[in-house]
């Protein structure tokens, strides 16, 4: 190994970083925390979208003549509409998750 003019070796620095076991576990922990945060943000975004769609769609369907208060028929319609919307959302979500899990099992790393 030859030395350069200022006492260092002439070995090229590749920029690669090696981590000790403890550093590696810290990186994995940070990665897992970030993934959990991302999943929470996605869930919050989905819930917000669901509420927005329920509000818009059920309002258009159930509130024929807006006023200062809701009639009993309006309230019943809104209850039924939102319940059906949430049930449909849950069915679709379960089937989608089952499909994603099934497909992820078929992927060989």
PDB file of N, CA and C in Angstrom:
ATOM      1  N   UNK A   1       0.848  -1.164   0.000  1.00  0.00           N
ATOM      2  CA  UNK A   1       0.000   0.000   0.000  1.00  0.00           C
ATOM      3  C   UNK A   1       0.891   1.223   0.000  1.00  0.00           C
ATOM      4  N   UNK A   2       0.649   2.118  -0.935  1.00  0.00           N
ATOM      5  CA  UNK A   2       1.435   3.340  -1.040  1.00  0.00           C
ATOM      6  C   UNK A   2       0.728   4.440  -0.276  1.00  0.00           C
ATOM      7  N   UNK A   3       1.508   5.369   0.252  1.00  0.00           N
ATOM      8  CA  UNK A   3       0.945   6.494   0.989  1.00  0.00           C
ATOM      9  C   UNK A   3       0.995   7.736   0.128  1.00  0.00           C
ATOM     10  N   UNK A   4       0.005   8.575   0.304  1.00  0.00           N
ATOM     11  CA  UNK A   4      -0.025   9.817  -0.465  1.00  0.00           C
ATOM     12  C   UNK A   4       0.838  10.863   0.213  1.00  0.00           C
ATOM     13  N   UNK A   5       0.911  11.985  -0.394  1.00  0.00           N
ATOM     14  CA  UNK A   5       1.764  13.074   0.060  1.00  0.00           C
ATOM     15  C   UNK A   5       1.457  13.514   1.484  1.00  0.00           C
ATOM     16  N   UNK A   6       0.184  13.497   1.909  1.00  0.00           N
ATOM     17  CA  UNK A   6      -0.179  14.006   3.224  1.00  0.00           C
ATOM     18  C   UNK A   6      -0.379  12.908   4.247  1.00  0.00           C
ATOM     19  N   UNK A   7       0.138  11.757   4.042  1.00  0.00           N
ATOM     20  CA  UNK A   7       0.121  10.715   5.053  1.00  0.00           C
ATOM     21  C   UNK A   7      -1.029   9.743   4.961  1.00  0.00           C
ATOM     22  N   UNK A   8      -1.999  10.000   4.115  1.00  0.00           N
ATOM     23  CA  UNK A   8      -3.100   9.061   3.952  1.00  0.00           C
ATOM     24  C   UNK A   8      -2.732   8.010   2.929  1.00  0.00           C
ATOM     25  N   UNK A   9      -3.539   6.988   2.832  1.00  0.00           N
ATOM     26  CA  UNK A   9      -3.261   5.972   1.827  1.00  0.00           C
ATOM     27  C   UNK A   9      -3.835   6.426   0.494  1.00  0.00           C
ATOM     28  N   UNK A  10      -3.388   5.806  -0.564  1.00  0.00           N
ATOM     29  CA  UNK A  10      -3.927   6.139  -1.871  1.00  0.00           C
ATOM     30  C   UNK A  10      -5.159   5.295  -2.191  1.00  0.00           C
ATOM     31  N   UNK A  11      -5.648   4.584  -1.197  1.00  0.00           N
ATOM     32  CA  UNK A  11      -6.840   3.757  -1.358  1.00  0.00           C
ATOM     33  C   UNK A  11      -8.039   4.669  -1.578  1.00  0.00           C
ATOM     34  N   UNK A  12      -8.837   4.387  -2.576  1.00  0.00           N
ATOM     35  CA  UNK A  12     -10.002   5.193  -2.914  1.00  0.00           C
ATOM     36  C   UNK A  12     -11.107   4.981  -1.880  1.00  0.00           C
ATOM     37  N   UNK A  13     -11.763   6.075  -1.495  1.00  0.00           N
ATOM     38  CA  UNK A  13     -12.916   5.994  -0.593  1.00  0.00           C
ATOM     39  C   UNK A  13     -14.143   5.733  -1.439  1.00  0.00           C
ATOM     40  N   UNK A  14     -14.782   4.599  -1.213  1.00  0.00           N
ATOM     41  CA  UNK A  14     -15.943   4.223  -2.016  1.00  0.00           C
ATOM     42  C   UNK A  14     -17.213   4.899  -1.526  1.00  0.00           C
ATOM     43  N   UNK A  15     -17.200   5.478  -0.355  1.00  0.00           N
ATOM     44  CA  UNK A  15     -18.386   6.122   0.183  1.00  0.00           C
ATOM     45  C   UNK A  15     -19.322   5.149   0.872  1.00  0.00           C
ATOM     46  N   UNK A  16     -18.991   3.882   0.848  1.00  0.00           N
ATOM     47  CA  UNK A  16     -19.839   2.891   1.498  1.00  0.00           C
ATOM     48  C   UNK A  16     -19.696   3.000   3.004  1.00  0.00           C
ATOM     49  N   UNK A  17     -20.809   2.867   3.678  1.00  0.00           N
ATOM     50  CA  UNK A  17     -20.818   2.949   5.128  1.00  0.00           C
ATOM     51  C   UNK A  17     -21.132   1.568   5.678  1.00  0.00           C
ATOM     52  N   UNK A  18     -20.312   1.128   6.608  1.00  0.00           N
ATOM     53  CA  UNK A  18     -20.605  -0.145   7.259  1.00  0.00           C
ATOM     54  C   UNK A  18     -21.156   0.161   8.641  1.00  0.00           C
ATOM     55  N   UNK A  19     -22.162  -0.571   9.034  1.00  0.00           N
ATOM     56  CA  UNK A  19     -22.829  -0.336  10.303  1.00  0.00           C
ATOM     57  C   UNK A  19     -22.563  -1.485  11.246  1.00  0.00           C
ATOM     58  N   UNK A  20     -22.407  -1.145  12.502  1.00  0.00           N
ATOM     59  CA  UNK A  20     -22.279  -2.192  13.509  1.00  0.00           C
ATOM     60  C   UNK A  20     -23.660  -2.793  13.740  1.00  0.00           C
ATOM     61  N   UNK A  21     -23.738  -3.866  14.492  1.00  0.00           N
ATOM     62  CA  UNK A  21     -25.011  -4.508  14.785  1.00  0.00           C
ATOM     63  C   UNK A  21     -25.984  -3.562  15.455  1.00  0.00           C
ATOM     64  N   UNK A  22     -25.476  -2.768  16.400  1.00  0.00           N
ATOM     65  CA  UNK A  22     -26.341  -1.823  17.116  1.00  0.00           C
ATOM     66  C   UNK A  22     -26.851  -0.732  16.179  1.00  0.00           C
ATOM     67  N   UNK A  23     -25.955  -0.204  15.328  1.00  0.00           N
ATOM     68  CA  UNK A  23     -26.376   0.825  14.370  1.00  0.00           C
ATOM     69  C   UNK A  23     -27.398   0.266  13.390  1.00  0.00           C
ATOM     70  N   UNK A  24     -27.187  -0.958  12.963  1.00  0.00           N
ATOM     71  CA  UNK A  24     -28.100  -1.594  12.029  1.00  0.00           C
ATOM     72  C   UNK A  24     -29.486  -1.759  12.650  1.00  0.00           C
ATOM     73  N   UNK A  25     -29.531  -2.154  13.916  1.00  0.00           N
ATOM     74  CA  UNK A  25     -30.826  -2.310  14.578  1.00  0.00           C
ATOM     75  C   UNK A  25     -31.504  -0.952  14.766  1.00  0.00           C
ATOM     76  N   UNK A  26     -30.714   0.108  15.002  1.00  0.00           N
ATOM     77  CA  UNK A  26     -31.280   1.455  15.101  1.00  0.00           C
ATOM     78  C   UNK A  26     -31.880   1.896  13.766  1.00  0.00           C
ATOM     79  N   UNK A  27     -31.179   1.595  12.679  1.00  0.00           N
ATOM     80  CA  UNK A  27     -31.680   1.938  11.349  1.00  0.00           C
ATOM     81  C   UNK A  27     -32.973   1.175  11.079  1.00  0.00           C
ATOM     82  N   UNK A  28     -33.000  -0.099  11.433  1.00  0.00           N
ATOM     83  CA  UNK A  28     -34.209  -0.898  11.232  1.00  0.00           C
ATOM     84  C   UNK A  28     -35.364  -0.365  12.070  1.00  0.00           C
ATOM     85  N   UNK A  29     -35.067   0.047  13.285  1.00  0.00           N
ATOM     86  CA  UNK A  29     -36.097   0.608  14.162  1.00  0.00           C
ATOM     87  C   UNK A  29     -36.658   1.900  13.577  1.00  0.00           C
ATOM     88  N   UNK A  30     -35.787   2.749  13.081  1.00  0.00           N
ATOM     89  CA  UNK A  30     -36.216   4.005  12.464  1.00  0.00           C
ATOM     90  C   UNK A  30     -37.059   3.705  11.223  1.00  0.00           C
ATOM     91  N   UNK A  31     -36.617   2.743  10.434  1.00  0.00           N
ATOM     92  CA  UNK A  31     -37.351   2.360   9.224  1.00  0.00           C
ATOM     93  C   UNK A  31     -38.747   1.860   9.582  1.00  0.00           C
ATOM     94  N   UNK A  32     -38.849   1.009  10.603  1.00  0.00           N
ATOM     95  CA  UNK A  32     -40.145   0.484  11.025  1.00  0.00           C
ATOM     96  C   UNK A  32     -41.047   1.598  11.533  1.00  0.00           C
ATOM     97  N   UNK A  33     -40.471   2.533  12.283  1.00  0.00           N
ATOM     98  CA  UNK A  33     -41.261   3.672  12.779  1.00  0.00           C
ATOM     99  C   UNK A  33     -41.781   4.527  11.636  1.00  0.00           C
ATOM    100  N   UNK A  34     -40.933   4.770  10.634  1.00  0.00           N
ATOM    101  CA  UNK A  34     -41.369   5.551   9.482  1.00  0.00           C
ATOM    102  C   UNK A  34     -42.463   4.831   8.710  1.00  0.00           C
ATOM    103  N   UNK A  35     -42.317   3.514   8.547  1.00  0.00           N
ATOM    104  CA  UNK A  35     -43.348   2.750   7.856  1.00  0.00           C
ATOM    105  C   UNK A  35     -44.671   2.806   8.618  1.00  0.00           C
ATOM    106  N   UNK A  36     -44.604   2.715   9.944  1.00  0.00           N
ATOM    107  CA  UNK A  36     -45.824   2.796  10.756  1.00  0.00           C
ATOM    108  C   UNK A  36     -46.472   4.172  10.617  1.00  0.00           C
ATOM    109  N   UNK A  37     -45.657   5.230  10.609  1.00  0.00           N
ATOM    110  CA  UNK A  37     -46.188   6.583  10.445  1.00  0.00           C
ATOM    111  C   UNK A  37     -46.849   6.748   9.078  1.00  0.00           C
ATOM    112  N   UNK A  38     -46.218   6.200   8.056  1.00  0.00           N
ATOM    113  CA  UNK A  38     -46.781   6.293   6.706  1.00  0.00           C
ATOM    114  C   UNK A  38     -48.119   5.573   6.644  1.00  0.00           C
ATOM    115  N   UNK A  39     -48.194   4.386   7.248  1.00  0.00           N
ATOM    116  CA  UNK A  39     -49.452   3.637   7.270  1.00  0.00           C
ATOM    117  C   UNK A  39     -50.538   4.405   8.012  1.00  0.00           C
ATOM    118  N   UNK A  40     -50.169   5.071   9.106  1.00  0.00           N
ATOM    119  CA  UNK A  40     -51.142   5.874   9.848  1.00  0.00           C
ATOM    120  C   UNK A  40     -51.629   7.050   9.010  1.00  0.00           C
ATOM    121  N   UNK A  41     -50.721   7.681   8.277  1.00  0.00           N
ATOM    122  CA  UNK A  41     -51.107   8.800   7.420  1.00  0.00           C
ATOM    123  C   UNK A  41     -52.036   8.331   6.303  1.00  0.00           C
ATOM    124  N   UNK A  42     -51.756   7.165   5.752  1.00  0.00           N
ATOM    125  CA  UNK A  42     -52.618   6.612   4.699  1.00  0.00           C
ATOM    126  C   UNK A  42     -54.001   6.307   5.267  1.00  0.00           C
ATOM    127  N   UNK A  43     -54.034   5.700   6.461  1.00  0.00           N
ATOM    128  CA  UNK A  43     -55.325   5.382   7.090  1.00  0.00           C
ATOM    129  C   UNK A  43     -56.114   6.659   7.368  1.00  0.00           C
ATOM    130  N   UNK A  44     -55.449   7.689   7.846  1.00  0.00           N
ATOM    131  CA  UNK A  44     -56.117   8.969   8.110  1.00  0.00           C
ATOM    132  C   UNK A  44     -56.642   9.581   6.817  1.00  0.00           C
ATOM    133  N   UNK A  45     -55.847   9.519   5.772  1.00  0.00           N
ATOM    134  CA  UNK A  45     -56.268  10.041   4.475  1.00  0.00           C
ATOM    135  C   UNK A  45     -57.480   9.271   3.952  1.00  0.00           C
ATOM    136  N   UNK A  46     -57.466   7.949   4.096  1.00  0.00           N
ATOM    137  CA  UNK A  46     -58.599   7.131   3.655  1.00  0.00           C
ATOM    138  C   UNK A  46     -59.860   7.445   4.450  1.00  0.00           C
ATOM    139  N   UNK A  47     -59.718   7.618   5.753  1.00  0.00           N
ATOM    140  CA  UNK A  47     -60.869   7.937   6.593  1.00  0.00           C
ATOM    141  C   UNK A  47     -61.437   9.308   6.220  1.00  0.00           C
ATOM    142  N   UNK A  48     -60.578  10.257   5.975  1.00  0.00           N
ATOM    143  CA  UNK A  48     -61.013  11.589   5.575  1.00  0.00           C
ATOM    144  C   UNK A  48     -61.754  11.534   4.242  1.00  0.00           C
ATOM    145  N   UNK A  49     -61.215  10.752   3.317  1.00  0.00           N
ATOM    146  CA  UNK A  49     -61.871  10.591   2.017  1.00  0.00           C
ATOM    147  C   UNK A  49     -63.239   9.940   2.173  1.00  0.00           C
ATOM    148  N   UNK A  50     -63.322   8.915   3.030  1.00  0.00           N
ATOM    149  CA  UNK A  50     -64.593   8.237   3.262  1.00  0.00           C
ATOM    150  C   UNK A  50     -65.634   9.204   3.817  1.00  0.00           C
ATOM    151  N   UNK A  51     -65.268   9.965   4.822  1.00  0.00           N
ATOM    152  CA  UNK A  51     -66.204  10.925   5.426  1.00  0.00           C
ATOM    153  C   UNK A  51     -66.648  11.959   4.397  1.00  0.00           C
ATOM    154  N   UNK A  52     -65.718  12.422   3.596  1.00  0.00           N
ATOM    155  CA  UNK A  52     -66.049  13.412   2.576  1.00  0.00           C
ATOM    156  C   UNK A  52     -67.032  12.838   1.554  1.00  0.00           C
ATOM    157  N   UNK A  53     -66.781  11.619   1.111  1.00  0.00           N
ATOM    158  CA  UNK A  53     -67.679  11.004   0.128  1.00  0.00           C
ATOM    159  C   UNK A  53     -69.053  10.730   0.730  1.00  0.00           C
ATOM    160  N   UNK A  54     -69.074  10.261   1.962  1.00  0.00           N
ATOM    161  CA  UNK A  54     -70.366  10.023   2.623  1.00  0.00           C
ATOM    162  C   UNK A  54     -71.137  11.335   2.719  1.00  0.00           C
ATOM    163  N   UNK A  55     -70.461  12.370   3.173  1.00  0.00           N
ATOM    164  CA  UNK A  55     -71.135  13.670   3.324  1.00  0.00           C
ATOM    165  C   UNK A  55     -71.691  14.165   2.003  1.00  0.00           C
ATOM    166  N   UNK A  56     -70.862  14.147   0.971  1.00  0.00           N
ATOM    167  CA  UNK A  56     -71.305  14.670  -0.325  1.00  0.00           C
ATOM    168  C   UNK A  56     -72.416  13.817  -0.936  1.00  0.00           C
ATOM    169  N   UNK A  57     -72.189  12.510  -0.998  1.00  0.00           N
ATOM    170  CA  UNK A  57     -73.154  11.634  -1.669  1.00  0.00           C
ATOM    171  C   UNK A  57     -74.476  11.527  -0.908  1.00  0.00           C
ATOM    172  N   UNK A  58     -74.392  11.352   0.401  1.00  0.00           N
ATOM    173  CA  UNK A  58     -75.626  11.207   1.181  1.00  0.00           C
ATOM    174  C   UNK A  58     -76.389  12.527   1.264  1.00  0.00           C
ATOM    175  N   UNK A  59     -75.687  13.634   1.319  1.00  0.00           N
ATOM    176  CA  UNK A  59     -76.357  14.935   1.335  1.00  0.00           C
ATOM    177  C   UNK A  59     -77.142  15.118   0.039  1.00  0.00           C
ATOM    178  N   UNK A  60     -76.483  14.841  -1.095  1.00  0.00           N
ATOM    179  CA  UNK A  60     -77.158  15.005  -2.382  1.00  0.00           C
ATOM    180  C   UNK A  60     -78.383  14.100  -2.500  1.00  0.00           C
ATOM    181  N   UNK A  61     -78.274  12.897  -1.930  1.00  0.00           N
ATOM    182  CA  UNK A  61     -79.372  11.934  -2.041  1.00  0.00           C
ATOM    183  C   UNK A  61     -80.516  12.253  -1.073  1.00  0.00           C
ATOM    184  N   UNK A  62     -80.178  12.660   0.136  1.00  0.00           N
ATOM    185  CA  UNK A  62     -81.178  12.725   1.211  1.00  0.00           C
ATOM    186  C   UNK A  62     -81.754  14.112   1.481  1.00  0.00           C
ATOM    187  N   UNK A  63     -81.023  15.146   1.238  1.00  0.00           N
ATOM    188  CA  UNK A  63     -81.494  16.486   1.580  1.00  0.00           C
ATOM    189  C   UNK A  63     -82.047  17.145   0.314  1.00  0.00           C
ATOM    190  N   UNK A  64     -83.345  17.054   0.185  1.00  0.00           N
ATOM    191  CA  UNK A  64     -84.007  17.585  -1.014  1.00  0.00           C
ATOM    192  C   UNK A  64     -84.164  19.098  -0.899  1.00  0.00           C
ATOM    193  N   UNK A  65     -84.650  19.546   0.261  1.00  0.00           N
ATOM    194  CA  UNK A  65     -84.828  20.978   0.489  1.00  0.00           C
ATOM    195  C   UNK A  65     -84.085  21.356   1.766  1.00  0.00           C
ATOM    196  N   UNK A  66     -82.904  21.953   1.615  1.00  0.00           N
ATOM    197  CA  UNK A  66     -82.127  22.347   2.805  1.00  0.00           C
ATOM    198  C   UNK A  66     -82.894  23.372   3.637  1.00  0.00           C
ATOM    199  N   UNK A  67     -82.732  23.259   4.948  1.00  0.00           N
ATOM    200  CA  UNK A  67     -83.377  24.197   5.857  1.00  0.00           C
ATOM    201  C   UNK A  67     -82.527  24.364   7.098  1.00  0.00           C
ATOM    202  N   UNK A  68     -83.112  24.960   8.112  1.00  0.00           N
ATOM    203  CA  UNK A  68     -82.369  25.216   9.349  1.00  0.00           C
ATOM    204  C   UNK A  68     -82.254  23.969  10.223  1.00  0.00           C
ATOM    205  N   UNK A  69     -83.078  22.959   9.944  1.00  0.00           N
ATOM    206  CA  UNK A  69     -82.988  21.706  10.698  1.00  0.00           C
ATOM    207  C   UNK A  69     -83.339  20.537   9.779  1.00  0.00           C
ATOM    208  N   UNK A  70     -83.012  19.338  10.240  1.00  0.00           N
ATOM    209  CA  UNK A  70     -83.300  18.138   9.463  1.00  0.00           C
ATOM    210  C   UNK A  70     -84.630  17.537   9.894  1.00  0.00           C
ATOM    211  N   UNK A  71     -85.369  17.075   8.916  1.00  0.00           N
ATOM    212  CA  UNK A  71     -86.617  16.389   9.244  1.00  0.00           C
ATOM    213  C   UNK A  71     -86.283  14.958   9.682  1.00  0.00           C
ATOM    214  N   UNK A  72     -87.264  14.274  10.233  1.00  0.00           N
ATOM    215  CA  UNK A  72     -87.063  12.877  10.636  1.00  0.00           C
ATOM    216  C   UNK A  72     -86.733  12.015   9.428  1.00  0.00           C
ATOM    217  N   UNK A  73     -87.359  12.298   8.302  1.00  0.00           N
ATOM    218  CA  UNK A  73     -87.089  11.540   7.074  1.00  0.00           C
ATOM    219  C   UNK A  73     -85.664  11.796   6.581  1.00  0.00           C
ATOM    220  N   UNK A  74     -85.219  13.049   6.667  1.00  0.00           N
ATOM    221  CA  UNK A  74     -83.849  13.379   6.275  1.00  0.00           C
ATOM    222  C   UNK A  74     -82.842  12.635   7.155  1.00  0.00           C
ATOM    223  N   UNK A  75     -83.093  12.659   8.450  1.00  0.00           N
ATOM    224  CA  UNK A  75     -82.190  11.993   9.397  1.00  0.00           C
ATOM    225  C   UNK A  75     -82.142  10.493   9.144  1.00  0.00           C
ATOM    226  N   UNK A  76     -83.294   9.881   8.935  1.00  0.00           N
ATOM    227  CA  UNK A  76     -83.343   8.441   8.669  1.00  0.00           C
ATOM    228  C   UNK A  76     -82.611   8.113   7.372  1.00  0.00           C
ATOM    229  N   UNK A  77     -82.826   8.919   6.358  1.00  0.00           N
ATOM    230  CA  UNK A  77     -82.159   8.700   5.074  1.00  0.00           C
ATOM    231  C   UNK A  77     -80.646   8.822   5.215  1.00  0.00           C
ATOM    232  N   UNK A  78     -80.191   9.852   5.927  1.00  0.00           N
ATOM    233  CA  UNK A  78     -78.750  10.038   6.141  1.00  0.00           C
ATOM    234  C   UNK A  78     -78.147   8.865   6.917  1.00  0.00           C
ATOM    235  N   UNK A  79     -78.861   8.382   7.938  1.00  0.00           N
ATOM    236  CA  UNK A  79     -78.385   7.238   8.715  1.00  0.00           C
ATOM    237  C   UNK A  79     -78.236   6.001   7.830  1.00  0.00           C
ATOM    238  N   UNK A  80     -79.266   5.715   7.050  1.00  0.00           N
ATOM    239  CA  UNK A  80     -79.244   4.535   6.182  1.00  0.00           C
ATOM    240  C   UNK A  80     -78.174   4.670   5.095  1.00  0.00           C
ATOM    241  N   UNK A  81     -78.075   5.817   4.514  1.00  0.00           N
ATOM    242  CA  UNK A  81     -77.106   6.050   3.450  1.00  0.00           C
ATOM    243  C   UNK A  81     -75.674   5.880   3.970  1.00  0.00           C
ATOM    244  N   UNK A  82     -75.376   6.513   5.098  1.00  0.00           N
ATOM    245  CA  UNK A  82     -74.016   6.421   5.636  1.00  0.00           C
ATOM    246  C   UNK A  82     -73.698   4.997   6.076  1.00  0.00           C
ATOM    247  N   UNK A  83     -74.670   4.300   6.655  1.00  0.00           N
ATOM    248  CA  UNK A  83     -74.460   2.912   7.078  1.00  0.00           C
ATOM    249  C   UNK A  83     -74.141   2.021   5.878  1.00  0.00           C
ATOM    250  N   UNK A  84     -74.907   2.174   4.807  1.00  0.00           N
ATOM    251  CA  UNK A  84     -74.664   1.377   3.595  1.00  0.00           C
ATOM    252  C   UNK A  84     -73.300   1.702   2.994  1.00  0.00           C
ATOM    253  N   UNK A  85     -72.944   2.975   2.984  1.00  0.00           N
ATOM    254  CA  UNK A  85     -71.669   3.408   2.424  1.00  0.00           C
ATOM    255  C   UNK A  85     -70.511   2.807   3.217  1.00  0.00           C
ATOM    256  N   UNK A  86     -70.614   2.834   4.545  1.00  0.00           N
ATOM    257  CA  UNK A  86     -69.554   2.282   5.395  1.00  0.00           C
ATOM    258  C   UNK A  86     -69.464   0.766   5.236  1.00  0.00           C
ATOM    259  N   UNK A  87     -70.611   0.090   5.151  1.00  0.00           N
ATOM    260  CA  UNK A  87     -70.599  -1.359   4.935  1.00  0.00           C
ATOM    261  C   UNK A  87     -69.915  -1.705   3.612  1.00  0.00           C
ATOM    262  N   UNK A  88     -70.251  -0.984   2.570  1.00  0.00           N
ATOM    263  CA  UNK A  88     -69.633  -1.229   1.266  1.00  0.00           C
ATOM    264  C   UNK A  88     -68.129  -0.968   1.327  1.00  0.00           C
ATOM    265  N   UNK A  89     -67.740   0.120   1.984  1.00  0.00           N
ATOM    266  CA  UNK A  89     -66.320   0.461   2.132  1.00  0.00           C
ATOM    267  C   UNK A  89     -65.583  -0.668   2.858  1.00  0.00           C
ATOM    268  N   UNK A  90     -66.181  -1.188   3.926  1.00  0.00           N
ATOM    269  CA  UNK A  90     -65.545  -2.265   4.694  1.00  0.00           C
ATOM    270  C   UNK A  90     -65.398  -3.536   3.870  1.00  0.00           C
ATOM    271  N   UNK A  91     -66.417  -3.890   3.118  1.00  0.00           N
ATOM    272  CA  UNK A  91     -66.344  -5.092   2.272  1.00  0.00           C
ATOM    273  C   UNK A  91     -65.238  -4.937   1.235  1.00  0.00           C
ATOM    274  N   UNK A  92     -65.213  -3.804   0.580  1.00  0.00           N
ATOM    275  CA  UNK A  92     -64.195  -3.558  -0.443  1.00  0.00           C
ATOM    276  C   UNK A  92     -62.801  -3.554   0.178  1.00  0.00           C
ATOM    277  N   UNK A  93     -62.652  -2.932   1.332  1.00  0.00           N
ATOM    278  CA  UNK A  93     -61.349  -2.866   2.000  1.00  0.00           C
ATOM    279  C   UNK A  93     -60.851  -4.259   2.383  1.00  0.00           C
ATOM    280  N   UNK A  94     -61.738  -5.079   2.952  1.00  0.00           N
ATOM    281  CA  UNK A  94     -61.335  -6.445   3.332  1.00  0.00           C
ATOM    282  C   UNK A  94     -60.906  -7.259   2.121  1.00  0.00           C
ATOM    283  N   UNK A  95     -61.664  -7.168   1.053  1.00  0.00           N
ATOM    284  CA  UNK A  95     -61.326  -7.927  -0.155  1.00  0.00           C
ATOM    285  C   UNK A  95     -60.032  -7.421  -0.778  1.00  0.00           C
ATOM    286  N   UNK A  96     -59.847  -6.121  -0.768  1.00  0.00           N
ATOM    287  CA  UNK A  96     -58.615  -5.549  -1.308  1.00  0.00           C
ATOM    288  C   UNK A  96     -57.411  -6.011  -0.491  1.00  0.00           C
ATOM    289  N   UNK A  97     -57.514  -5.948   0.841  1.00  0.00           N
ATOM    290  CA  UNK A  97     -56.410  -6.388   1.698  1.00  0.00           C
ATOM    291  C   UNK A  97     -56.120  -7.876   1.505  1.00  0.00           C
ATOM    292  N   UNK A  98     -57.170  -8.675   1.377  1.00  0.00           N
ATOM    293  CA  UNK A  98     -56.971 -10.107   1.144  1.00  0.00           C
ATOM    294  C   UNK A  98     -56.246 -10.334  -0.181  1.00  0.00           C
ATOM    295  N   UNK A  99     -56.613  -9.589  -1.187  1.00  0.00           N
ATOM    296  CA  UNK A  99     -55.960  -9.725  -2.490  1.00  0.00           C
ATOM    297  C   UNK A  99     -54.496  -9.313  -2.415  1.00  0.00           C
ATOM    298  N   UNK A 100     -54.217  -8.195  -1.758  1.00  0.00           N
ATOM    299  CA  UNK A 100     -52.836  -7.725  -1.627  1.00  0.00           C
ATOM    300  C   UNK A 100     -52.003  -8.747  -0.860  1.00  0.00           C
ATOM    301  N   UNK A 101     -52.550  -9.277   0.231  1.00  0.00           N
ATOM    302  CA  UNK A 101     -51.827 -10.281   1.011  1.00  0.00           C
ATOM    303  C   UNK A 101     -51.592 -11.542   0.200  1.00  0.00           C
ATOM    304  N   UNK A 102     -52.573 -11.957  -0.565  1.00  0.00           N
ATOM    305  CA  UNK A 102     -52.445 -13.141  -1.400  1.00  0.00           C
ATOM    306  C   UNK A 102     -51.365 -12.941  -2.458  1.00  0.00           C
ATOM    307  N   UNK A 103     -51.375 -11.781  -3.083  1.00  0.00           N
ATOM    308  CA  UNK A 103     -50.373 -11.499  -4.108  1.00  0.00           C
ATOM    309  C   UNK A 103     -48.976 -11.349  -3.518  1.00  0.00           C
ATOM    310  N   UNK A 104     -48.885 -10.801  -2.313  1.00  0.00           N
ATOM    311  CA  UNK A 104     -47.566 -10.624  -1.697  1.00  0.00           C
ATOM    312  C   UNK A 104     -46.970 -11.974  -1.292  1.00  0.00           C
ATOM    313  N   UNK A 105     -47.803 -12.966  -1.005  1.00  0.00           N
ATOM    314  CA  UNK A 105     -47.303 -14.306  -0.703  1.00  0.00           C
ATOM    315  C   UNK A 105     -46.756 -14.996  -1.950  1.00  0.00           C
ATOM    316  N   UNK A 106     -47.308 -14.629  -3.106  1.00  0.00           N
ATOM    317  CA  UNK A 106     -46.871 -15.230  -4.367  1.00  0.00           C
ATOM    318  C   UNK A 106     -45.562 -14.644  -4.874  1.00  0.00           C
ATOM    319  N   UNK A 107     -45.169 -13.496  -4.348  1.00  0.00           N
ATOM    320  CA  UNK A 107     -43.909 -12.864  -4.765  1.00  0.00           C
ATOM    321  C   UNK A 107     -42.780 -13.531  -4.008  1.00  0.00           C
ATOM    322  N   UNK A 108     -41.830 -14.044  -4.758  1.00  0.00           N
ATOM    323  CA  UNK A 108     -40.679 -14.706  -4.136  1.00  0.00           C
ATOM    324  C   UNK A 108     -39.544 -13.693  -4.048  1.00  0.00           C
ATOM    325  N   UNK A 109     -39.045 -13.449  -2.836  1.00  0.00           N
ATOM    326  CA  UNK A 109     -37.964 -12.459  -2.680  1.00  0.00           C
ATOM    327  C   UNK A 109     -36.667 -12.928  -3.297  1.00  0.00           C
TER     328      UNK A 109
END
